[in-house]
Amino acid sequence: MEGKLKILMTTDTIGGVWVYSLELCKALRKYDVEIHLAAMGSWPSQDQEQEAAAIGNLTLYKSDYKLEWMDDPWEDFKRAQKWLTSIYHTIHPDLVHFNNYAHAKKDWTCPTITVFHSCVQTWWQAVKGCSAPSSYNHYTQVVHQSLNDSDVVVGPTKSILKRAQEVHQIDTELKVIHNARSQEYQTDRKENIILCIGRIWDEGKNLKLLAAVAEQLPWPVYIAGSNVNPDTGKPVQFNNIHFLGSLKPQEVKDWMEKAKIFVSPTKYEPFGLAILEAARAGCALVLSELDTLKELWDGDAAFFDPSKAQQGKQQILRVIEDQKLREELANRARQRAEQYTIDKMGQAYYELYQSSIKNKEELNMAGV
């Protein structure tokens, strides 16, 4: 296909998908791709709107429609489908790039790709060791249908794409494209501190493992995230853990630059943008031994079983006490991070867009 590409892309404002979407929009500027970004989940914050406005090839469409995994989302799900259809028929995109599962494709003629960032079923199986309860059956059906209605399903790692295929019986083309970050960091500001990111009550992030061993560590542990119990509204405290609350991107950058060690005890991680940020910032990585994280960082991080707090403590202590090992891990993580650049991500998606459009045109010409 010749000329400027016009892409309708969905995103959400809740977590890492927002960061991923904006990084991709930036990466696609060099290809003169026009992005119409439809945001759901909650109204974008002022900071988020400013971030989007700074990207010249991006037009932002705002909503607060619930995402599929939220409580009782289905009325909003229908409204979101109508909203996306309205945008589709207004802008006439060359391709639709879904970062969630609110598909509305019945009368759409252009190709669609869906990125599998995560889902409730794969999360539940990884974190709780069993399938999600029957109350999620409709959700699971929606995810299955959305993935299989797509021309291509993309995953940020081979491992998470394999799990998605097993859980949702995906019968369409699969492609791995790594996520990326463009942030630049100073690496000469390091202090003897350990950094972790997440809410203490997030069962998947598994930060209670770190809380269980923090007072046995000689370095202070800082957690970028809330310590307030969402059920009681009361904060909790742990010895040798300092909660930083919700931080703005510049504040996260500052802590990444100061930390010598970044720990992720998570039980579920399809990719891990925060881990990539920490690697770029020159942190030594101490990570859960998950298939996805081993795929990305094997040989360049220390790993431990996320169900074994003492093993996690031992690995952290080893990295604290062995300066040569710590510096070697930090250097290797930085070098590995250079494999996950926005230039590579942008090129991979642009080539995928082009091939998907070409394949669709050929099928249409053949009357398929």
Protein backbone atom coordinates (compact mmCIF):
# COMPACT_ATOMS: atom_id res chain seq x y z
CA MET A 1 0.00 0.00 0.00
CA GLU A 2 1.28 3.50 -0.84
CA GLY A 3 0.70 6.78 1.00
CA LYS A 4 0.07 7.63 4.63
CA LEU A 5 -1.47 4.90 6.79
CA LYS A 6 -4.45 5.75 8.98
CA ILE A 7 -4.78 3.53 12.06
CA LEU A 8 -7.62 3.32 14.58
CA MET A 9 -6.06 2.10 17.82
CA THR A 10 -7.69 1.37 21.18
CA THR A 11 -6.00 1.85 24.52
CA ASP A 12 -6.84 2.11 28.20
CA THR A 13 -5.83 4.74 30.70
CA ILE A 14 -5.45 2.41 33.69
CA GLY A 15 -2.02 0.84 33.39
CA GLY A 16 0.87 -0.16 31.18
CA VAL A 17 -1.19 -0.35 27.96
CA TRP A 18 -1.34 3.45 27.96
CA VAL A 19 2.46 3.70 28.17
CA TYR A 20 2.87 1.05 25.46
CA SER A 21 0.37 2.81 23.16
CA LEU A 22 2.06 6.20 23.38
CA GLU A 23 5.50 4.69 22.85
CA LEU A 24 4.21 2.96 19.73
CA CYS A 25 2.60 6.17 18.43
CA LYS A 26 5.94 7.93 18.87
CA ALA A 27 7.76 5.12 17.07
CA LEU A 28 5.35 5.31 14.11
CA ARG A 29 5.93 9.02 13.51
CA LYS A 30 8.95 8.28 11.30
CA TYR A 31 6.67 6.27 8.98
CA ASP A 32 4.15 9.12 8.74
CA VAL A 33 1.41 6.94 10.28
CA GLU A 34 -1.72 8.77 11.43
CA ILE A 35 -3.07 7.34 14.70
CA HIS A 36 -6.60 7.79 16.01
CA LEU A 37 -6.34 6.63 19.63
CA ALA A 38 -9.57 5.65 21.40
CA ALA A 39 -9.06 5.56 25.17
CA MET A 40 -11.27 3.65 27.59
CA GLY A 41 -11.26 2.61 31.25
CA SER A 42 -11.42 6.08 32.80
CA TRP A 43 -11.17 9.67 31.62
CA PRO A 44 -7.54 10.49 30.81
CA SER A 45 -5.80 12.57 33.44
CA GLN A 46 -4.53 16.03 32.58
CA ASP A 47 -1.00 14.61 32.42
CA GLN A 48 -2.13 11.85 30.06
CA GLU A 49 -3.88 14.34 27.79
CA GLN A 50 -0.73 16.45 27.68
CA GLU A 51 1.37 13.39 26.86
CA ALA A 52 -0.93 12.52 23.96
CA ALA A 53 -1.11 16.11 22.71
CA ALA A 54 2.69 16.22 22.45
CA ILE A 55 2.66 13.45 19.83
CA GLY A 56 1.99 15.12 16.51
CA ASN A 57 0.61 12.11 14.62
CA LEU A 58 -1.99 11.26 17.29
CA THR A 59 -5.64 12.26 17.70
CA LEU A 60 -7.07 11.26 21.10
CA TYR A 61 -10.69 10.16 21.61
CA LYS A 62 -11.71 10.10 25.28
CA SER A 63 -14.21 7.96 27.17
CA ASP A 64 -14.72 6.35 30.56
CA TYR A 65 -16.27 3.13 29.27
CA LYS A 66 -15.49 0.18 31.53
CA LEU A 67 -12.97 -2.36 30.32
CA GLU A 68 -14.00 -5.97 29.83
CA TRP A 69 -12.37 -7.22 33.04
CA MET A 70 -14.08 -4.68 35.30
CA ASP A 71 -17.14 -5.39 37.43
CA ASP A 72 -20.40 -5.51 35.48
CA PRO A 73 -18.94 -3.97 32.30
CA TRP A 74 -21.36 -5.25 29.65
CA GLU A 75 -23.59 -2.21 29.16
CA ASP A 76 -20.47 -0.09 28.76
CA PHE A 77 -19.04 -2.78 26.49
CA LYS A 78 -21.99 -2.33 24.10
CA ARG A 79 -21.67 1.46 24.26
CA ALA A 80 -17.94 1.19 23.55
CA GLN A 81 -18.64 -0.96 20.50
CA LYS A 82 -21.05 1.66 19.13
CA TRP A 83 -18.59 4.44 19.93
CA LEU A 84 -15.75 2.64 18.12
CA THR A 85 -18.01 1.93 15.16
CA SER A 86 -18.86 5.64 14.96
CA ILE A 87 -15.17 6.56 14.95
CA TYR A 88 -14.47 3.85 12.38
CA HIS A 89 -17.08 5.12 9.94
CA THR A 90 -15.95 8.73 10.48
CA ILE A 91 -12.25 8.27 9.81
CA HIS A 92 -12.26 5.16 7.51
CA PRO A 93 -9.00 3.66 8.80
CA ASP A 94 -6.71 1.40 6.79
CA LEU A 95 -6.36 -0.93 9.79
CA VAL A 96 -7.68 -1.29 13.35
CA HIS A 97 -5.22 -2.09 16.13
CA PHE A 98 -6.95 -3.37 19.28
CA ASN A 99 -5.23 -3.25 22.67
CA ASN A 100 -8.34 -4.58 24.39
CA TYR A 101 -11.24 -6.84 23.44
CA ALA A 102 -14.07 -4.39 22.71
CA HIS A 103 -14.43 -5.50 19.11
CA ALA A 104 -17.14 -4.18 16.82
CA LYS A 105 -16.28 -5.64 13.45
CA LYS A 106 -19.44 -6.88 11.79
CA ASP A 107 -19.47 -4.37 8.93
CA TRP A 108 -15.80 -3.42 9.01
CA THR A 109 -13.81 -4.13 5.87
CA CYS A 110 -10.24 -3.27 6.89
CA PRO A 111 -7.89 -5.74 8.60
CA THR A 112 -7.68 -5.88 12.40
CA ILE A 113 -4.89 -6.91 14.73
CA THR A 114 -5.27 -7.52 18.45
CA VAL A 115 -2.42 -7.37 20.96
CA PHE A 116 -2.70 -9.85 23.79
CA HIS A 117 -1.34 -7.82 26.71
CA SER A 118 -3.02 -10.00 29.36
CA CYS A 119 -6.37 -11.48 30.35
CA VAL A 120 -8.23 -12.61 33.46
CA GLN A 121 -7.93 -16.32 32.68
CA THR A 122 -4.15 -16.39 32.20
CA TRP A 123 -3.75 -14.13 35.26
CA TRP A 124 -5.98 -16.34 37.39
CA GLN A 125 -4.19 -19.52 36.39
CA ALA A 126 -0.76 -18.01 37.06
CA VAL A 127 -1.67 -16.34 40.35
CA LYS A 128 -4.24 -18.70 41.86
CA GLY A 129 -3.31 -21.96 40.14
CA CYS A 130 -6.79 -22.64 38.76
CA SER A 131 -9.21 -21.33 36.14
CA ALA A 132 -11.18 -18.18 36.79
CA PRO A 133 -14.63 -18.76 38.33
CA SER A 134 -17.75 -19.21 36.20
CA SER A 135 -18.67 -15.55 36.69
CA TYR A 136 -15.97 -14.85 34.10
CA ASN A 137 -17.36 -17.22 31.47
CA HIS A 138 -18.89 -14.42 29.40
CA TYR A 139 -15.68 -12.41 29.63
CA THR A 140 -13.65 -15.44 28.49
CA GLN A 141 -16.01 -15.96 25.55
CA VAL A 142 -15.58 -12.30 24.54
CA VAL A 143 -11.78 -12.58 24.64
CA HIS A 144 -11.85 -15.82 22.64
CA GLN A 145 -14.13 -14.29 20.00
CA SER A 146 -12.12 -11.08 19.75
CA LEU A 147 -8.82 -12.89 19.31
CA ASN A 148 -10.19 -15.28 16.72
CA ASP A 149 -11.96 -12.51 14.79
CA SER A 150 -8.62 -10.75 14.30
CA ASP A 151 -6.45 -11.16 11.23
CA VAL A 152 -3.34 -11.29 13.45
CA VAL A 153 -2.82 -11.67 17.20
CA VAL A 154 0.35 -10.09 18.58
CA GLY A 155 2.00 -10.91 21.90
CA PRO A 156 4.94 -9.18 23.64
CA THR A 157 6.61 -12.54 24.37
CA LYS A 158 6.46 -16.03 22.91
CA SER A 159 5.60 -17.40 26.34
CA ILE A 160 2.49 -15.29 26.92
CA LEU A 161 1.34 -15.87 23.34
CA LYS A 162 1.65 -19.62 23.91
CA ARG A 163 -0.45 -19.37 27.08
CA ALA A 164 -3.04 -17.26 25.25
CA GLN A 165 -3.26 -19.83 22.48
CA GLU A 166 -3.69 -22.67 24.97
CA VAL A 167 -6.37 -20.87 26.99
CA HIS A 168 -8.33 -19.24 24.16
CA GLN A 169 -7.78 -21.75 21.30
CA ILE A 170 -6.57 -19.02 18.95
CA ASP A 171 -6.93 -20.07 15.33
CA THR A 172 -5.38 -17.14 13.51
CA GLU A 173 -1.91 -15.83 12.68
CA LEU A 174 0.31 -15.20 15.72
CA LYS A 175 3.26 -12.80 15.90
CA VAL A 176 5.66 -11.74 18.67
CA ILE A 177 6.61 -8.06 18.86
CA HIS A 178 8.43 -6.95 21.99
CA ASN A 179 7.25 -3.90 23.91
CA ALA A 180 9.70 -1.02 24.31
CA ARG A 181 10.57 2.14 26.20
CA SER A 182 12.29 5.27 24.90
CA GLN A 183 13.12 6.89 28.25
CA GLU A 184 16.78 7.80 28.78
CA TYR A 185 18.36 7.52 32.23
CA GLN A 186 21.37 8.68 34.18
CA THR A 187 23.27 5.77 35.74
CA ASP A 188 25.74 7.68 37.96
CA ARG A 189 23.32 8.58 40.78
CA LYS A 190 23.09 5.17 42.41
CA GLU A 191 22.41 4.65 46.11
CA ASN A 192 22.24 1.53 48.28
CA ILE A 193 18.50 1.08 47.88
CA ILE A 194 16.12 -1.55 46.48
CA LEU A 195 13.16 -0.50 44.36
CA CYS A 196 9.94 -2.32 43.53
CA ILE A 197 6.73 -1.14 41.84
CA GLY A 198 3.13 -2.14 42.56
CA ARG A 199 0.31 -2.05 45.08
CA ILE A 200 0.93 -4.12 48.20
CA TRP A 201 -2.59 -5.58 47.91
CA ASP A 202 -2.15 -6.75 44.30
CA GLU A 203 -2.00 -10.52 44.63
CA GLY A 204 -0.36 -10.90 41.23
CA LYS A 205 2.45 -8.45 41.99
CA ASN A 206 3.22 -10.56 45.08
CA LEU A 207 4.85 -7.70 47.00
CA LYS A 208 3.99 -9.37 50.30
CA LEU A 209 6.88 -11.73 49.56
CA LEU A 210 9.21 -8.74 49.71
CA ALA A 211 7.44 -7.43 52.81
CA ALA A 212 8.07 -10.77 54.53
CA VAL A 213 11.85 -10.50 54.16
CA ALA A 214 12.51 -6.75 53.98
CA GLU A 215 13.59 -6.35 57.61
CA GLN A 216 16.25 -9.04 57.04
CA LEU A 217 17.86 -6.97 54.25
CA PRO A 218 20.66 -4.46 54.94
CA TRP A 219 19.40 -1.98 52.33
CA PRO A 220 16.09 -0.11 52.55
CA VAL A 221 13.26 -1.20 50.26
CA TYR A 222 11.21 1.42 48.45
CA ILE A 223 7.89 0.52 46.83
CA ALA A 224 6.36 2.85 44.25
CA GLY A 225 2.69 2.15 44.94
CA SER A 226 -0.04 2.36 47.52
CA ASN A 227 -0.02 0.72 50.96
CA VAL A 228 -3.70 1.47 51.58
CA ASN A 229 -6.00 -1.53 51.95
CA PRO A 230 -8.79 -0.98 49.35
CA ASP A 231 -11.29 -2.79 51.59
CA THR A 232 -10.66 -0.87 54.81
CA GLY A 233 -9.07 2.33 53.54
CA LYS A 234 -6.35 1.92 56.17
CA PRO A 235 -2.61 1.96 55.42
CA VAL A 236 -0.27 -0.84 56.44
CA GLN A 237 3.37 -0.63 57.44
CA PHE A 238 6.23 -3.11 57.23
CA ASN A 239 9.68 -2.88 58.75
CA ASN A 240 12.32 -1.56 56.31
CA ILE A 241 9.75 -0.81 53.58
CA HIS A 242 9.10 2.76 52.49
CA PHE A 243 5.94 3.27 50.44
CA LEU A 244 6.20 6.06 47.89
CA GLY A 245 2.55 6.11 46.85
CA SER A 246 1.45 6.76 43.28
CA LEU A 247 4.25 8.51 41.39
CA LYS A 248 4.31 10.58 38.24
CA PRO A 249 6.55 9.32 35.41
CA GLN A 250 9.33 11.79 36.23
CA GLU A 251 9.29 10.66 39.86
CA VAL A 252 9.49 7.01 38.83
CA LYS A 253 12.46 7.91 36.61
CA ASP A 254 14.17 9.58 39.55
CA TRP A 255 13.82 6.49 41.76
CA MET A 256 14.94 4.18 38.95
CA GLU A 257 18.10 6.26 38.60
CA LYS A 258 18.81 6.06 42.34
CA ALA A 259 18.14 2.34 42.91
CA LYS A 260 20.98 -0.15 42.57
CA ILE A 261 18.64 -3.15 42.62
CA PHE A 262 15.17 -3.59 41.15
CA VAL A 263 13.10 -6.50 42.44
CA SER A 264 10.00 -7.98 40.79
CA PRO A 265 8.46 -10.87 42.78
CA THR A 266 5.40 -11.01 40.48
CA LYS A 267 3.48 -14.22 39.81
CA TYR A 268 2.20 -13.00 36.41
CA GLU A 269 4.00 -10.78 33.93
CA PRO A 270 3.35 -10.91 30.17
CA PHE A 271 6.25 -8.49 29.54
CA GLY A 272 7.13 -6.01 32.30
CA LEU A 273 7.68 -2.43 31.15
CA ALA A 274 8.85 -1.41 34.64
CA ILE A 275 11.54 -4.10 34.51
CA LEU A 276 12.69 -2.76 31.15
CA GLU A 277 12.81 0.76 32.59
CA ALA A 278 14.90 -0.48 35.52
CA ALA A 279 17.31 -2.23 33.17
CA ARG A 280 17.71 0.94 31.09
CA ALA A 281 18.35 2.85 34.32
CA GLY A 282 21.25 0.58 35.25
CA CYS A 283 19.59 -1.43 38.02
CA ALA A 284 20.63 -5.00 38.73
CA LEU A 285 17.50 -7.12 38.23
CA VAL A 286 16.23 -9.70 40.72
CA LEU A 287 13.16 -11.30 39.14
CA SER A 288 10.56 -14.01 39.48
CA GLU A 289 11.47 -17.12 37.56
CA LEU A 290 8.58 -16.93 35.07
CA ASP A 291 8.71 -18.22 31.50
CA THR A 292 8.07 -14.72 30.15
CA LEU A 293 10.81 -13.08 32.21
CA LYS A 294 13.32 -15.85 31.54
CA GLU A 295 12.63 -15.40 27.83
CA LEU A 296 13.46 -11.70 28.05
CA TRP A 297 16.22 -11.59 30.68
CA ASP A 298 17.77 -15.06 31.03
CA GLY A 299 21.49 -14.73 31.75
CA ASP A 300 21.14 -11.03 32.58
CA ALA A 301 19.21 -11.14 35.87
CA ALA A 302 19.07 -13.11 39.12
CA PHE A 303 15.94 -15.27 39.39
CA PHE A 304 13.97 -16.85 42.22
CA ASP A 305 10.80 -18.87 42.71
CA PRO A 306 8.02 -16.33 43.49
CA SER A 307 6.42 -18.79 45.91
CA LYS A 308 9.57 -18.98 48.07
CA ALA A 309 10.30 -15.87 50.10
CA GLN A 310 13.56 -17.18 51.53
CA GLN A 311 14.88 -17.94 48.05
CA GLY A 312 14.00 -14.40 47.06
CA LYS A 313 15.80 -13.05 50.12
CA GLN A 314 18.91 -15.12 49.34
CA GLN A 315 19.07 -13.84 45.78
CA ILE A 316 18.67 -10.23 46.89
CA LEU A 317 21.36 -10.67 49.55
CA ARG A 318 23.71 -12.25 47.02
CA VAL A 319 23.35 -9.26 44.72
CA ILE A 320 23.75 -6.79 47.61
CA GLU A 321 26.86 -8.46 49.02
CA ASP A 322 28.68 -9.16 45.76
CA GLN A 323 29.51 -5.80 44.19
CA LYS A 324 31.15 -7.37 41.13
CA LEU A 325 28.09 -9.51 40.46
CA ARG A 326 25.75 -6.55 41.00
CA GLU A 327 27.63 -4.34 38.56
CA GLU A 328 27.87 -7.15 36.03
CA LEU A 329 24.12 -7.81 36.23
CA ALA A 330 23.38 -4.10 35.86
CA ASN A 331 25.62 -3.80 32.79
CA ARG A 332 24.20 -6.94 31.19
CA ALA A 333 20.62 -5.80 31.82
CA ARG A 334 21.36 -2.45 30.16
CA GLN A 335 22.85 -4.19 27.15
CA ARG A 336 19.90 -6.60 26.93
CA ALA A 337 17.49 -3.67 27.13
CA GLU A 338 18.95 -2.38 23.86
CA GLN A 339 17.16 -5.26 22.15
CA TYR A 340 13.81 -3.75 23.17
CA THR A 341 13.85 -0.33 21.50
CA ILE A 342 10.95 1.70 20.15
CA ASP A 343 12.67 1.81 16.74
CA LYS A 344 12.48 -1.98 16.52
CA MET A 345 8.92 -2.02 17.85
CA GLY A 346 7.80 0.69 15.44
CA GLN A 347 9.37 -1.01 12.43
CA ALA A 348 7.84 -4.38 13.35
CA TYR A 349 4.34 -2.92 13.71
CA TYR A 350 4.63 -0.82 10.56
CA GLU A 351 5.67 -3.89 8.55
CA LEU A 352 2.82 -5.86 10.12
CA TYR A 353 0.32 -3.13 9.23
CA GLN A 354 1.57 -3.07 5.64
CA SER A 355 1.47 -6.86 5.21
CA SER A 356 -1.96 -7.16 6.86
CA ILE A 357 -3.42 -4.50 4.55
CA LYS A 358 -1.82 -6.14 1.50
CA ASN A 359 -3.14 -9.59 2.50
CA LYS A 360 -6.65 -8.20 3.01
CA GLU A 361 -6.59 -6.49 -0.38
CA GLU A 362 -5.49 -9.71 -2.06
CA LEU A 363 -8.28 -11.66 -0.34
CA ASN A 364 -10.83 -9.05 -1.39
CA MET A 365 -9.62 -9.20 -4.99
CA ALA A 366 -9.92 -12.97 -4.90
CA GLY A 367 -13.47 -12.66 -3.59
CA VAL A 368 -12.70 -14.45 -0.32
